[in-house]
Amino acid sequence: AAPPGGGRNSLSPRFTRHFHMLNLPPTSEDNMMLIFRSILDGFLKSFKQELQEMSSKLVQGTLNMYFKISQELLPIPAKSHY
């Protein structure tokens, strides 16, 4: 929620000292696959074998959708939340 007119006010050092900047390099598709598949495999341990075998395809499909959306829904000033 920005002020009317989209004005920008500078932030005081007293205020910004409570925040930290964190910058991470983009993760490769292979690493994302490994991370999310490991998490999903751990979650699905107590489920039937048929479901456990779907984890690779589920993660791959999710990553395909993520990368497609990342390419097509680029942030713009009016919609920077993409």
PDB file of N, CA and C in Angstrom:
ATOM      1  N   ALA A   1       0.848  -1.168   0.000  1.00  0.00           N
ATOM      2  CA  ALA A   1       0.000   0.000   0.000  1.00  0.00           C
ATOM      3  C   ALA A   1       0.894   1.233   0.000  1.00  0.00           C
ATOM      4  N   ALA A   2       0.958   1.871  -1.120  1.00  0.00           N
ATOM      5  CA  ALA A   2       1.795   3.065  -1.255  1.00  0.00           C
ATOM      6  C   ALA A   2       0.961   4.309  -0.975  1.00  0.00           C
ATOM      7  N   PRO A   3       1.618   5.386  -0.619  1.00  0.00           N
ATOM      8  CA  PRO A   3       0.873   6.624  -0.409  1.00  0.00           C
ATOM      9  C   PRO A   3       0.275   7.123  -1.723  1.00  0.00           C
ATOM     10  N   PRO A   4      -0.787   7.925  -1.638  1.00  0.00           N
ATOM     11  CA  PRO A   4      -1.395   8.455  -2.863  1.00  0.00           C
ATOM     12  C   PRO A   4      -0.358   9.188  -3.715  1.00  0.00           C
ATOM     13  N   GLY A   5      -0.409   8.968  -4.998  1.00  0.00           N
ATOM     14  CA  GLY A   5       0.540   9.622  -5.897  1.00  0.00           C
ATOM     15  C   GLY A   5       1.827   8.842  -6.066  1.00  0.00           C
ATOM     16  N   GLY A   6       1.992   7.749  -5.337  1.00  0.00           N
ATOM     17  CA  GLY A   6       3.166   6.899  -5.482  1.00  0.00           C
ATOM     18  C   GLY A   6       4.445   7.540  -5.012  1.00  0.00           C
ATOM     19  N   GLY A   7       4.369   8.501  -4.102  1.00  0.00           N
ATOM     20  CA  GLY A   7       5.570   9.173  -3.605  1.00  0.00           C
ATOM     21  C   GLY A   7       6.497   8.226  -2.871  1.00  0.00           C
ATOM     22  N   ARG A   8       7.758   8.521  -2.930  1.00  0.00           N
ATOM     23  CA  ARG A   8       8.752   7.703  -2.231  1.00  0.00           C
ATOM     24  C   ARG A   8       9.441   8.559  -1.188  1.00  0.00           C
ATOM     25  N   ASN A   9       9.419   8.118   0.029  1.00  0.00           N
ATOM     26  CA  ASN A   9      10.109   8.816   1.102  1.00  0.00           C
ATOM     27  C   ASN A   9      11.360   8.027   1.465  1.00  0.00           C
ATOM     28  N   SER A  10      12.438   8.731   1.721  1.00  0.00           N
ATOM     29  CA  SER A  10      13.662   8.031   2.118  1.00  0.00           C
ATOM     30  C   SER A  10      13.476   7.472   3.523  1.00  0.00           C
ATOM     31  N   LEU A  11      14.130   6.356   3.772  1.00  0.00           N
ATOM     32  CA  LEU A  11      14.040   5.695   5.068  1.00  0.00           C
ATOM     33  C   LEU A  11      15.244   6.088   5.919  1.00  0.00           C
ATOM     34  N   SER A  12      14.988   6.358   7.161  1.00  0.00           N
ATOM     35  CA  SER A  12      16.072   6.797   8.040  1.00  0.00           C
ATOM     36  C   SER A  12      16.957   5.616   8.424  1.00  0.00           C
ATOM     37  N   PRO A  13      18.245   5.860   8.685  1.00  0.00           N
ATOM     38  CA  PRO A  13      19.127   4.786   9.149  1.00  0.00           C
ATOM     39  C   PRO A  13      18.622   4.154  10.447  1.00  0.00           C
ATOM     40  N   ARG A  14      17.969   4.938  11.267  1.00  0.00           N
ATOM     41  CA  ARG A  14      17.414   4.406  12.513  1.00  0.00           C
ATOM     42  C   ARG A  14      16.358   3.336  12.229  1.00  0.00           C
ATOM     43  N   PHE A  15      15.590   3.521  11.168  1.00  0.00           N
ATOM     44  CA  PHE A  15      14.580   2.545  10.781  1.00  0.00           C
ATOM     45  C   PHE A  15      15.204   1.356  10.055  1.00  0.00           C
ATOM     46  N   THR A  16      16.101   1.619   9.104  1.00  0.00           N
ATOM     47  CA  THR A  16      16.648   0.543   8.279  1.00  0.00           C
ATOM     48  C   THR A  16      17.619  -0.357   9.029  1.00  0.00           C
ATOM     49  N   ARG A  17      18.087   0.050  10.185  1.00  0.00           N
ATOM     50  CA  ARG A  17      19.007  -0.810  10.944  1.00  0.00           C
ATOM     51  C   ARG A  17      18.330  -2.093  11.403  1.00  0.00           C
ATOM     52  N   HIS A  18      17.002  -2.144  11.357  1.00  0.00           N
ATOM     53  CA  HIS A  18      16.252  -3.323  11.789  1.00  0.00           C
ATOM     54  C   HIS A  18      16.085  -4.349  10.664  1.00  0.00           C
ATOM     55  N   PHE A  19      16.577  -4.044   9.474  1.00  0.00           N
ATOM     56  CA  PHE A  19      16.398  -4.919   8.327  1.00  0.00           C
ATOM     57  C   PHE A  19      17.755  -5.370   7.792  1.00  0.00           C
ATOM     58  N   HIS A  20      17.737  -6.513   7.119  1.00  0.00           N
ATOM     59  CA  HIS A  20      18.957  -7.046   6.514  1.00  0.00           C
ATOM     60  C   HIS A  20      18.664  -7.398   5.062  1.00  0.00           C
ATOM     61  N   MET A  21      19.663  -7.236   4.226  1.00  0.00           N
ATOM     62  CA  MET A  21      19.540  -7.577   2.823  1.00  0.00           C
ATOM     63  C   MET A  21      20.146  -8.954   2.615  1.00  0.00           C
ATOM     64  N   LEU A  22      19.412  -9.820   1.967  1.00  0.00           N
ATOM     65  CA  LEU A  22      19.883 -11.171   1.685  1.00  0.00           C
ATOM     66  C   LEU A  22      19.741 -11.397   0.188  1.00  0.00           C
ATOM     67  N   ASN A  23      20.829 -11.761  -0.443  1.00  0.00           N
ATOM     68  CA  ASN A  23      20.829 -11.973  -1.880  1.00  0.00           C
ATOM     69  C   ASN A  23      21.372 -13.367  -2.157  1.00  0.00           C
ATOM     70  N   LEU A  24      20.580 -14.186  -2.830  1.00  0.00           N
ATOM     71  CA  LEU A  24      21.000 -15.542  -3.171  1.00  0.00           C
ATOM     72  C   LEU A  24      21.091 -15.679  -4.681  1.00  0.00           C
ATOM     73  N   PRO A  25      22.114 -16.348  -5.170  1.00  0.00           N
ATOM     74  CA  PRO A  25      22.195 -16.554  -6.621  1.00  0.00           C
ATOM     75  C   PRO A  25      21.093 -17.524  -7.059  1.00  0.00           C
ATOM     76  N   PRO A  26      20.690 -17.450  -8.314  1.00  0.00           N
ATOM     77  CA  PRO A  26      19.656 -18.371  -8.798  1.00  0.00           C
ATOM     78  C   PRO A  26      20.128 -19.823  -8.662  1.00  0.00           C
ATOM     79  N   THR A  27      19.212 -20.687  -8.300  1.00  0.00           N
ATOM     80  CA  THR A  27      19.527 -22.108  -8.132  1.00  0.00           C
ATOM     81  C   THR A  27      19.286 -22.825  -9.450  1.00  0.00           C
ATOM     82  N   SER A  28      20.170 -23.734  -9.803  1.00  0.00           N
ATOM     83  CA  SER A  28      20.013 -24.470 -11.059  1.00  0.00           C
ATOM     84  C   SER A  28      18.824 -25.418 -10.970  1.00  0.00           C
ATOM     85  N   GLU A  29      18.309 -25.785 -12.125  1.00  0.00           N
ATOM     86  CA  GLU A  29      17.160 -26.695 -12.163  1.00  0.00           C
ATOM     87  C   GLU A  29      17.506 -28.039 -11.522  1.00  0.00           C
ATOM     88  N   ASP A  30      18.723 -28.529 -11.757  1.00  0.00           N
ATOM     89  CA  ASP A  30      19.129 -29.810 -11.162  1.00  0.00           C
ATOM     90  C   ASP A  30      19.150 -29.741  -9.637  1.00  0.00           C
ATOM     91  N   ASN A  31      19.668 -28.646  -9.106  1.00  0.00           N
ATOM     92  CA  ASN A  31      19.701 -28.495  -7.650  1.00  0.00           C
ATOM     93  C   ASN A  31      18.303 -28.350  -7.062  1.00  0.00           C
ATOM     94  N   MET A  32      17.439 -27.607  -7.753  1.00  0.00           N
ATOM     95  CA  MET A  32      16.059 -27.478  -7.279  1.00  0.00           C
ATOM     96  C   MET A  32      15.366 -28.840  -7.286  1.00  0.00           C
ATOM     97  N   MET A  33      15.619 -29.612  -8.331  1.00  0.00           N
ATOM     98  CA  MET A  33      15.038 -30.958  -8.428  1.00  0.00           C
ATOM     99  C   MET A  33      15.506 -31.811  -7.254  1.00  0.00           C
ATOM    100  N   LEU A  34      16.783 -31.761  -6.953  1.00  0.00           N
ATOM    101  CA  LEU A  34      17.333 -32.544  -5.853  1.00  0.00           C
ATOM    102  C   LEU A  34      16.743 -32.110  -4.508  1.00  0.00           C
ATOM    103  N   ILE A  35      16.671 -30.821  -4.278  1.00  0.00           N
ATOM    104  CA  ILE A  35      16.160 -30.299  -3.012  1.00  0.00           C
ATOM    105  C   ILE A  35      14.696 -30.684  -2.816  1.00  0.00           C
ATOM    106  N   PHE A  36      13.854 -30.361  -3.807  1.00  0.00           N
ATOM    107  CA  PHE A  36      12.425 -30.608  -3.639  1.00  0.00           C
ATOM    108  C   PHE A  36      12.073 -32.089  -3.681  1.00  0.00           C
ATOM    109  N   ARG A  37      12.815 -32.852  -4.451  1.00  0.00           N
ATOM    110  CA  ARG A  37      12.548 -34.297  -4.482  1.00  0.00           C
ATOM    111  C   ARG A  37      12.925 -34.926  -3.143  1.00  0.00           C
ATOM    112  N   SER A  38      14.017 -34.494  -2.538  1.00  0.00           N
ATOM    113  CA  SER A  38      14.409 -35.011  -1.227  1.00  0.00           C
ATOM    114  C   SER A  38      13.346 -34.712  -0.180  1.00  0.00           C
ATOM    115  N   ILE A  39      12.822 -33.496  -0.217  1.00  0.00           N
ATOM    116  CA  ILE A  39      11.775 -33.117   0.737  1.00  0.00           C
ATOM    117  C   ILE A  39      10.525 -33.957   0.514  1.00  0.00           C
ATOM    118  N   LEU A  40      10.102 -34.081  -0.747  1.00  0.00           N
ATOM    119  CA  LEU A  40       8.891 -34.836  -1.045  1.00  0.00           C
ATOM    120  C   LEU A  40       9.067 -36.325  -0.760  1.00  0.00           C
ATOM    121  N   ASP A  41      10.228 -36.885  -1.080  1.00  0.00           N
ATOM    122  CA  ASP A  41      10.486 -38.294  -0.771  1.00  0.00           C
ATOM    123  C   ASP A  41      10.384 -38.556   0.728  1.00  0.00           C
ATOM    124  N   GLY A  42      10.926 -37.658   1.528  1.00  0.00           N
ATOM    125  CA  GLY A  42      10.835 -37.803   2.974  1.00  0.00           C
ATOM    126  C   GLY A  42       9.402 -37.741   3.463  1.00  0.00           C
ATOM    127  N   PHE A  43       8.615 -36.852   2.868  1.00  0.00           N
ATOM    128  CA  PHE A  43       7.212 -36.717   3.262  1.00  0.00           C
ATOM    129  C   PHE A  43       6.403 -37.950   2.866  1.00  0.00           C
ATOM    130  N   LEU A  44       6.704 -38.508   1.696  1.00  0.00           N
ATOM    131  CA  LEU A  44       5.911 -39.623   1.171  1.00  0.00           C
ATOM    132  C   LEU A  44       6.321 -40.989   1.692  1.00  0.00           C
ATOM    133  N   LYS A  45       7.271 -41.067   2.602  1.00  0.00           N
ATOM    134  CA  LYS A  45       7.734 -42.366   3.123  1.00  0.00           C
ATOM    135  C   LYS A  45       6.606 -43.206   3.706  1.00  0.00           C
ATOM    136  N   SER A  46       5.654 -42.573   4.327  1.00  0.00           N
ATOM    137  CA  SER A  46       4.577 -43.326   4.987  1.00  0.00           C
ATOM    138  C   SER A  46       3.397 -43.606   4.044  1.00  0.00           C
ATOM    139  N   PHE A  47       3.479 -43.200   2.786  1.00  0.00           N
ATOM    140  CA  PHE A  47       2.413 -43.436   1.828  1.00  0.00           C
ATOM    141  C   PHE A  47       2.701 -44.692   1.005  1.00  0.00           C
ATOM    142  N   LYS A  48       1.713 -45.105   0.233  1.00  0.00           N
ATOM    143  CA  LYS A  48       1.865 -46.291  -0.615  1.00  0.00           C
ATOM    144  C   LYS A  48       2.992 -46.085  -1.620  1.00  0.00           C
ATOM    145  N   GLN A  49       3.563 -47.209  -2.057  1.00  0.00           N
ATOM    146  CA  GLN A  49       4.674 -47.197  -3.008  1.00  0.00           C
ATOM    147  C   GLN A  49       4.301 -46.475  -4.300  1.00  0.00           C
ATOM    148  N   GLU A  50       3.033 -46.636  -4.732  1.00  0.00           N
ATOM    149  CA  GLU A  50       2.587 -45.993  -5.982  1.00  0.00           C
ATOM    150  C   GLU A  50       2.737 -44.478  -5.901  1.00  0.00           C
ATOM    151  N   LEU A  51       2.415 -43.914  -4.754  1.00  0.00           N
ATOM    152  CA  LEU A  51       2.547 -42.475  -4.574  1.00  0.00           C
ATOM    153  C   LEU A  51       4.008 -42.063  -4.464  1.00  0.00           C
ATOM    154  N   GLN A  52       4.798 -42.860  -3.789  1.00  0.00           N
ATOM    155  CA  GLN A  52       6.220 -42.548  -3.641  1.00  0.00           C
ATOM    156  C   GLN A  52       6.904 -42.474  -5.005  1.00  0.00           C
ATOM    157  N   GLU A  53       6.484 -43.304  -5.927  1.00  0.00           N
ATOM    158  CA  GLU A  53       7.101 -43.338  -7.254  1.00  0.00           C
ATOM    159  C   GLU A  53       6.736 -42.119  -8.097  1.00  0.00           C
ATOM    160  N   MET A  54       5.713 -41.385  -7.696  1.00  0.00           N
ATOM    161  CA  MET A  54       5.276 -40.202  -8.444  1.00  0.00           C
ATOM    162  C   MET A  54       6.068 -38.949  -8.093  1.00  0.00           C
ATOM    163  N   SER A  55       6.889 -39.011  -7.063  1.00  0.00           N
ATOM    164  CA  SER A  55       7.547 -37.794  -6.578  1.00  0.00           C
ATOM    165  C   SER A  55       8.407 -37.124  -7.651  1.00  0.00           C
ATOM    166  N   SER A  56       9.141 -37.893  -8.410  1.00  0.00           N
ATOM    167  CA  SER A  56      10.012 -37.313  -9.429  1.00  0.00           C
ATOM    168  C   SER A  56       9.208 -36.561 -10.485  1.00  0.00           C
ATOM    169  N   LYS A  57       8.127 -37.181 -10.962  1.00  0.00           N
ATOM    170  CA  LYS A  57       7.299 -36.538 -11.979  1.00  0.00           C
ATOM    171  C   LYS A  57       6.578 -35.319 -11.422  1.00  0.00           C
ATOM    172  N   LEU A  58       6.145 -35.396 -10.181  1.00  0.00           N
ATOM    173  CA  LEU A  58       5.451 -34.267  -9.556  1.00  0.00           C
ATOM    174  C   LEU A  58       6.385 -33.068  -9.408  1.00  0.00           C
ATOM    175  N   VAL A  59       7.594 -33.327  -8.948  1.00  0.00           N
ATOM    176  CA  VAL A  59       8.560 -32.243  -8.788  1.00  0.00           C
ATOM    177  C   VAL A  59       8.953 -31.670 -10.147  1.00  0.00           C
ATOM    178  N   GLN A  60       9.169 -32.530 -11.133  1.00  0.00           N
ATOM    179  CA  GLN A  60       9.544 -32.050 -12.464  1.00  0.00           C
ATOM    180  C   GLN A  60       8.435 -31.207 -13.074  1.00  0.00           C
ATOM    181  N   GLY A  61       7.190 -31.634 -12.925  1.00  0.00           N
ATOM    182  CA  GLY A  61       6.068 -30.860 -13.435  1.00  0.00           C
ATOM    183  C   GLY A  61       5.938 -29.507 -12.751  1.00  0.00           C
ATOM    184  N   THR A  62       6.147 -29.499 -11.440  1.00  0.00           N
ATOM    185  CA  THR A  62       6.077 -28.253 -10.685  1.00  0.00           C
ATOM    186  C   THR A  62       7.184 -27.291 -11.118  1.00  0.00           C
ATOM    187  N   LEU A  63       8.383 -27.810 -11.307  1.00  0.00           N
ATOM    188  CA  LEU A  63       9.493 -26.954 -11.754  1.00  0.00           C
ATOM    189  C   LEU A  63       9.261 -26.440 -13.175  1.00  0.00           C
ATOM    190  N   ASN A  64       8.710 -27.270 -14.044  1.00  0.00           N
ATOM    191  CA  ASN A  64       8.396 -26.811 -15.405  1.00  0.00           C
ATOM    192  C   ASN A  64       7.415 -25.642 -15.356  1.00  0.00           C
ATOM    193  N   MET A  65       6.397 -25.770 -14.507  1.00  0.00           N
ATOM    194  CA  MET A  65       5.416 -24.692 -14.369  1.00  0.00           C
ATOM    195  C   MET A  65       6.075 -23.442 -13.794  1.00  0.00           C
ATOM    196  N   TYR A  66       6.930 -23.607 -12.803  1.00  0.00           N
ATOM    197  CA  TYR A  66       7.622 -22.474 -12.189  1.00  0.00           C
ATOM    198  C   TYR A  66       8.466 -21.714 -13.220  1.00  0.00           C
ATOM    199  N   PHE A  67       9.252 -22.443 -14.015  1.00  0.00           N
ATOM    200  CA  PHE A  67      10.118 -21.787 -14.989  1.00  0.00           C
ATOM    201  C   PHE A  67       9.302 -21.131 -16.107  1.00  0.00           C
ATOM    202  N   LYS A  68       8.203 -21.736 -16.505  1.00  0.00           N
ATOM    203  CA  LYS A  68       7.326 -21.145 -17.529  1.00  0.00           C
ATOM    204  C   LYS A  68       6.723 -19.839 -17.010  1.00  0.00           C
ATOM    205  N   ILE A  69       6.233 -19.873 -15.773  1.00  0.00           N
ATOM    206  CA  ILE A  69       5.654 -18.672 -15.174  1.00  0.00           C
ATOM    207  C   ILE A  69       6.717 -17.590 -15.002  1.00  0.00           C
ATOM    208  N   SER A  70       7.914 -17.991 -14.599  1.00  0.00           N
ATOM    209  CA  SER A  70       9.008 -17.022 -14.408  1.00  0.00           C
ATOM    210  C   SER A  70       9.366 -16.306 -15.703  1.00  0.00           C
ATOM    211  N   GLN A  71       9.235 -16.986 -16.821  1.00  0.00           N
ATOM    212  CA  GLN A  71       9.544 -16.381 -18.118  1.00  0.00           C
ATOM    213  C   GLN A  71       8.417 -15.496 -18.628  1.00  0.00           C
ATOM    214  N   GLU A  72       7.164 -15.886 -18.357  1.00  0.00           N
ATOM    215  CA  GLU A  72       6.028 -15.178 -18.940  1.00  0.00           C
ATOM    216  C   GLU A  72       5.456 -14.077 -18.055  1.00  0.00           C
ATOM    217  N   LEU A  73       5.499 -14.230 -16.761  1.00  0.00           N
ATOM    218  CA  LEU A  73       4.920 -13.248 -15.866  1.00  0.00           C
ATOM    219  C   LEU A  73       6.020 -12.396 -15.228  1.00  0.00           C
ATOM    220  N   LEU A  74       6.669 -11.616 -16.056  1.00  0.00           N
ATOM    221  CA  LEU A  74       7.750 -10.772 -15.570  1.00  0.00           C
ATOM    222  C   LEU A  74       7.193  -9.624 -14.733  1.00  0.00           C
ATOM    223  N   PRO A  75       7.910  -9.214 -13.686  1.00  0.00           N
ATOM    224  CA  PRO A  75       7.406  -8.121 -12.861  1.00  0.00           C
ATOM    225  C   PRO A  75       7.398  -6.801 -13.623  1.00  0.00           C
ATOM    226  N   ILE A  76       6.376  -6.029 -13.364  1.00  0.00           N
ATOM    227  CA  ILE A  76       6.262  -4.682 -13.909  1.00  0.00           C
ATOM    228  C   ILE A  76       5.961  -3.762 -12.733  1.00  0.00           C
ATOM    229  N   PRO A  77       6.154  -2.472 -12.857  1.00  0.00           N
ATOM    230  CA  PRO A  77       5.920  -1.583 -11.709  1.00  0.00           C
ATOM    231  C   PRO A  77       4.538  -1.754 -11.084  1.00  0.00           C
ATOM    232  N   ALA A  78       3.516  -1.979 -11.895  1.00  0.00           N
ATOM    233  CA  ALA A  78       2.165  -2.112 -11.352  1.00  0.00           C
ATOM    234  C   ALA A  78       1.956  -3.457 -10.668  1.00  0.00           C
ATOM    235  N   LYS A  79       2.755  -4.462 -11.049  1.00  0.00           N
ATOM    236  CA  LYS A  79       2.591  -5.812 -10.490  1.00  0.00           C
ATOM    237  C   LYS A  79       3.975  -6.390 -10.155  1.00  0.00           C
ATOM    238  N   SER A  80       4.631  -5.799  -9.211  1.00  0.00           N
ATOM    239  CA  SER A  80       5.985  -6.234  -8.867  1.00  0.00           C
ATOM    240  C   SER A  80       5.988  -7.508  -8.032  1.00  0.00           C
ATOM    241  N   HIS A  81       4.821  -7.956  -7.581  1.00  0.00           N
ATOM    242  CA  HIS A  81       4.741  -9.136  -6.728  1.00  0.00           C
ATOM    243  C   HIS A  81       4.927 -10.447  -7.474  1.00  0.00           C
ATOM    244  N   TYR A  82       4.960 -10.403  -8.819  1.00  0.00           N
ATOM    245  CA  TYR A  82       5.223 -11.638  -9.574  1.00  0.00           C
ATOM    246  C   TYR A  82       6.607 -12.086  -9.245  1.00  0.00           C
TER     247      TYR A  82
END
